[in-house]
Amino acid sequence: MMATAAGSYLGCFIDYLKASYLFQKNDSFFFIKKHICRARDFYDMHGKYTVFLSNFLRVIMTFAPLAAGNHKNVVYVFSLNNCLGIICRVMVMNLSGYCLQTFVLKKNGFDMKERIDYIPPVIIIVPTLPD
């Protein structure tokens, strides 16, 4: 949770200082301007709740703090939405894991605890697949 918060604050701070530079930068291997424009549009549509929602949408998570820094978002509003988003994401992930285990055990009689070694790679690989 601390790493997520630190990454969001760093992104917001970087764009707060260098806002115009990122929107003028050309595409490269590591930077695609389309993504930051999509995050800015998402921020324009949803406002200050973008930072909260970005904790659940991985594509937006990278660039939402940059869009918030570009809009010169108030620090306490950013902090509140960021912390609430992180806490809610952790709670949802834990609760969904518990419910999935209960459902699979009831429905199929299969205990996922026996195959726990296969679950983390799936959780890591699936979100990183291209759009």
C-alpha atoms as a PDB file:
ATOM      1  CA  MET A   1       0.000   0.000   0.000  1.00  0.00           C
ATOM      2  CA  MET A   2       2.850   2.355   0.774  1.00  0.00           C
ATOM      3  CA  ALA A   3       4.488   1.733  -2.603  1.00  0.00           C
ATOM      4  CA  THR A   4       1.240   2.502  -4.421  1.00  0.00           C
ATOM      5  CA  ALA A   5       0.813   5.742  -2.499  1.00  0.00           C
ATOM      6  CA  ALA A   6       4.441   6.736  -3.045  1.00  0.00           C
ATOM      7  CA  GLY A   7       4.173   6.075  -6.777  1.00  0.00           C
ATOM      8  CA  SER A   8       1.014   8.150  -7.057  1.00  0.00           C
ATOM      9  CA  TYR A   9       2.538  11.071  -5.149  1.00  0.00           C
ATOM     10  CA  LEU A  10       5.683  10.920  -7.257  1.00  0.00           C
ATOM     11  CA  GLY A  11       3.659  10.966 -10.491  1.00  0.00           C
ATOM     12  CA  CYS A  12       1.563  13.886  -9.272  1.00  0.00           C
ATOM     13  CA  PHE A  13       4.652  15.816  -8.176  1.00  0.00           C
ATOM     14  CA  ILE A  14       6.499  15.200 -11.455  1.00  0.00           C
ATOM     15  CA  ASP A  15       3.610  16.456 -13.536  1.00  0.00           C
ATOM     16  CA  TYR A  16       3.011  19.361 -11.184  1.00  0.00           C
ATOM     17  CA  LEU A  17       6.517  20.550 -12.035  1.00  0.00           C
ATOM     18  CA  LYS A  18       6.722  19.502 -15.712  1.00  0.00           C
ATOM     19  CA  ALA A  19       3.088  19.546 -16.907  1.00  0.00           C
ATOM     20  CA  SER A  20       3.567  20.986 -20.376  1.00  0.00           C
ATOM     21  CA  TYR A  21       6.620  18.855 -21.164  1.00  0.00           C
ATOM     22  CA  LEU A  22       4.753  15.529 -21.111  1.00  0.00           C
ATOM     23  CA  PHE A  23       1.984  16.742 -23.408  1.00  0.00           C
ATOM     24  CA  GLN A  24       4.525  18.025 -25.939  1.00  0.00           C
ATOM     25  CA  LYS A  25       6.765  14.942 -25.870  1.00  0.00           C
ATOM     26  CA  ASN A  26       6.740  12.647 -28.926  1.00  0.00           C
ATOM     27  CA  ASP A  27       6.021   8.934 -28.770  1.00  0.00           C
ATOM     28  CA  SER A  28       8.868   6.614 -27.872  1.00  0.00           C
ATOM     29  CA  PHE A  29       9.279   3.005 -26.809  1.00  0.00           C
ATOM     30  CA  PHE A  30       8.484   3.783 -23.154  1.00  0.00           C
ATOM     31  CA  PHE A  31       6.122   6.740 -23.624  1.00  0.00           C
ATOM     32  CA  ILE A  32       2.962   6.798 -25.723  1.00  0.00           C
ATOM     33  CA  LYS A  33       1.241  10.150 -25.764  1.00  0.00           C
ATOM     34  CA  LYS A  34      -2.152   8.555 -26.434  1.00  0.00           C
ATOM     35  CA  HIS A  35      -2.185   7.066 -22.942  1.00  0.00           C
ATOM     36  CA  ILE A  36      -1.612  10.324 -21.121  1.00  0.00           C
ATOM     37  CA  CYS A  37      -4.247  12.015 -23.307  1.00  0.00           C
ATOM     38  CA  ARG A  38      -6.714   9.250 -22.410  1.00  0.00           C
ATOM     39  CA  ALA A  39      -5.925   9.739 -18.714  1.00  0.00           C
ATOM     40  CA  ARG A  40      -6.411  13.509 -19.045  1.00  0.00           C
ATOM     41  CA  ASP A  41      -9.776  12.951 -20.778  1.00  0.00           C
ATOM     42  CA  PHE A  42     -10.763  10.483 -18.065  1.00  0.00           C
ATOM     43  CA  TYR A  43      -9.774  13.068 -15.443  1.00  0.00           C
ATOM     44  CA  ASP A  44     -11.801  15.769 -17.221  1.00  0.00           C
ATOM     45  CA  MET A  45     -14.832  13.463 -17.268  1.00  0.00           C
ATOM     46  CA  HIS A  46     -14.680  12.155 -13.684  1.00  0.00           C
ATOM     47  CA  GLY A  47     -12.870  14.989 -11.907  1.00  0.00           C
ATOM     48  CA  LYS A  48     -11.193  14.455  -8.572  1.00  0.00           C
ATOM     49  CA  TYR A  49     -12.529  10.883  -8.284  1.00  0.00           C
ATOM     50  CA  THR A  50     -10.198   9.799 -11.079  1.00  0.00           C
ATOM     51  CA  VAL A  51      -7.463   9.119  -8.529  1.00  0.00           C
ATOM     52  CA  PHE A  52      -9.860   6.883  -6.556  1.00  0.00           C
ATOM     53  CA  LEU A  53     -11.068   5.048  -9.669  1.00  0.00           C
ATOM     54  CA  SER A  54      -7.545   4.647 -11.031  1.00  0.00           C
ATOM     55  CA  ASN A  55      -6.728   2.203  -8.251  1.00  0.00           C
ATOM     56  CA  PHE A  56      -9.147  -0.230  -9.903  1.00  0.00           C
ATOM     57  CA  LEU A  57      -8.359   0.519 -13.582  1.00  0.00           C
ATOM     58  CA  ARG A  58      -4.744  -0.443 -14.257  1.00  0.00           C
ATOM     59  CA  VAL A  59      -4.475   1.419 -17.568  1.00  0.00           C
ATOM     60  CA  ILE A  60      -5.470   4.684 -15.930  1.00  0.00           C
ATOM     61  CA  MET A  61      -3.437   4.081 -12.763  1.00  0.00           C
ATOM     62  CA  THR A  62      -0.144   4.952 -14.403  1.00  0.00           C
ATOM     63  CA  PHE A  63      -1.222   8.308 -15.772  1.00  0.00           C
ATOM     64  CA  ALA A  64      -3.987   9.464 -13.390  1.00  0.00           C
ATOM     65  CA  PRO A  65      -1.561  11.062 -10.917  1.00  0.00           C
ATOM     66  CA  LEU A  66       0.014  12.875 -13.850  1.00  0.00           C
ATOM     67  CA  ALA A  67      -3.385  14.198 -14.913  1.00  0.00           C
ATOM     68  CA  ALA A  68      -4.097  15.254 -11.330  1.00  0.00           C
ATOM     69  CA  GLY A  69      -0.789  17.088 -11.147  1.00  0.00           C
ATOM     70  CA  ASN A  70      -1.528  18.756 -14.466  1.00  0.00           C
ATOM     71  CA  HIS A  71      -4.814  20.091 -13.095  1.00  0.00           C
ATOM     72  CA  LYS A  72      -3.000  21.405 -10.006  1.00  0.00           C
ATOM     73  CA  ASN A  73      -5.263  19.326  -7.795  1.00  0.00           C
ATOM     74  CA  VAL A  74      -5.341  20.321  -4.132  1.00  0.00           C
ATOM     75  CA  VAL A  75      -3.001  18.079  -2.154  1.00  0.00           C
ATOM     76  CA  TYR A  76      -5.484  17.021   0.535  1.00  0.00           C
ATOM     77  CA  VAL A  77      -8.140  16.148  -2.058  1.00  0.00           C
ATOM     78  CA  PHE A  78      -5.586  14.081  -3.972  1.00  0.00           C
ATOM     79  CA  SER A  79      -4.382  12.420  -0.741  1.00  0.00           C
ATOM     80  CA  LEU A  80      -7.892  11.597   0.436  1.00  0.00           C
ATOM     81  CA  ASN A  81      -8.948  10.040  -2.869  1.00  0.00           C
ATOM     82  CA  ASN A  82      -5.643   8.206  -3.240  1.00  0.00           C
ATOM     83  CA  CYS A  83      -5.696   6.698   0.262  1.00  0.00           C
ATOM     84  CA  LEU A  84      -9.375   5.758   0.069  1.00  0.00           C
ATOM     85  CA  GLY A  85      -8.805   4.141  -3.318  1.00  0.00           C
ATOM     86  CA  ILE A  86      -5.867   2.113  -2.065  1.00  0.00           C
ATOM     87  CA  ILE A  87      -7.733   0.923   1.032  1.00  0.00           C
ATOM     88  CA  CYS A  88     -10.835   0.015  -0.984  1.00  0.00           C
ATOM     89  CA  ARG A  89      -8.767  -1.866  -3.565  1.00  0.00           C
ATOM     90  CA  VAL A  90      -7.053  -3.940  -0.887  1.00  0.00           C
ATOM     91  CA  MET A  91     -10.390  -4.685   0.792  1.00  0.00           C
ATOM     92  CA  VAL A  92     -12.036  -5.654  -2.507  1.00  0.00           C
ATOM     93  CA  MET A  93      -9.136  -7.920  -3.481  1.00  0.00           C
ATOM     94  CA  ASN A  94      -9.151  -9.700  -0.113  1.00  0.00           C
ATOM     95  CA  LEU A  95     -12.925 -10.058  -0.045  1.00  0.00           C
ATOM     96  CA  SER A  96     -13.066 -11.298  -3.631  1.00  0.00           C
ATOM     97  CA  GLY A  97     -10.375 -13.889  -2.899  1.00  0.00           C
ATOM     98  CA  TYR A  98     -12.305 -15.118   0.118  1.00  0.00           C
ATOM     99  CA  CYS A  99     -15.587 -15.247  -1.819  1.00  0.00           C
ATOM    100  CA  LEU A 100     -13.941 -17.016  -4.772  1.00  0.00           C
ATOM    101  CA  GLN A 101     -12.423 -19.643  -2.486  1.00  0.00           C
ATOM    102  CA  THR A 102     -15.774 -20.186  -0.762  1.00  0.00           C
ATOM    103  CA  PHE A 103     -17.647 -20.387  -4.070  1.00  0.00           C
ATOM    104  CA  VAL A 104     -15.200 -22.819  -5.691  1.00  0.00           C
ATOM    105  CA  LEU A 105     -15.095 -24.995  -2.586  1.00  0.00           C
ATOM    106  CA  LYS A 106     -18.909 -25.175  -2.363  1.00  0.00           C
ATOM    107  CA  LYS A 107     -19.579 -25.561  -6.078  1.00  0.00           C
ATOM    108  CA  ASN A 108     -16.782 -27.945  -7.103  1.00  0.00           C
ATOM    109  CA  GLY A 109     -15.396 -29.265  -3.838  1.00  0.00           C
ATOM    110  CA  PHE A 110     -11.993 -28.008  -4.999  1.00  0.00           C
ATOM    111  CA  ASP A 111      -9.755 -26.325  -2.441  1.00  0.00           C
ATOM    112  CA  MET A 112      -7.763 -23.545  -4.098  1.00  0.00           C
ATOM    113  CA  LYS A 113      -5.306 -23.567  -1.197  1.00  0.00           C
ATOM    114  CA  GLU A 114      -3.800 -26.740  -2.652  1.00  0.00           C
ATOM    115  CA  ARG A 115      -2.982 -24.905  -5.922  1.00  0.00           C
ATOM    116  CA  ILE A 116      -1.942 -21.564  -4.467  1.00  0.00           C
ATOM    117  CA  ASP A 117       1.341 -21.638  -6.424  1.00  0.00           C
ATOM    118  CA  TYR A 118      -0.499 -21.154  -9.728  1.00  0.00           C
ATOM    119  CA  ILE A 119      -2.653 -18.201  -8.683  1.00  0.00           C
ATOM    120  CA  PRO A 120      -0.068 -15.349  -8.286  1.00  0.00           C
ATOM    121  CA  PRO A 121       1.431 -15.806 -11.778  1.00  0.00           C
ATOM    122  CA  VAL A 122      -2.067 -15.629 -13.268  1.00  0.00           C
ATOM    123  CA  ILE A 123      -2.830 -12.479 -11.253  1.00  0.00           C
ATOM    124  CA  ILE A 124       0.420 -10.897 -12.469  1.00  0.00           C
ATOM    125  CA  ILE A 125       0.248 -11.980 -16.129  1.00  0.00           C
ATOM    126  CA  VAL A 126      -3.427 -11.302 -16.928  1.00  0.00           C
ATOM    127  CA  PRO A 127      -3.431  -7.549 -16.129  1.00  0.00           C
ATOM    128  CA  THR A 128      -0.253  -7.026 -18.122  1.00  0.00           C
ATOM    129  CA  LEU A 129      -1.716  -8.460 -21.348  1.00  0.00           C
ATOM    130  CA  PRO A 130      -2.144  -5.832 -24.080  1.00  0.00           C
ATOM    131  CA  ASP A 131      -5.504  -4.124 -24.535  1.00  0.00           C
END
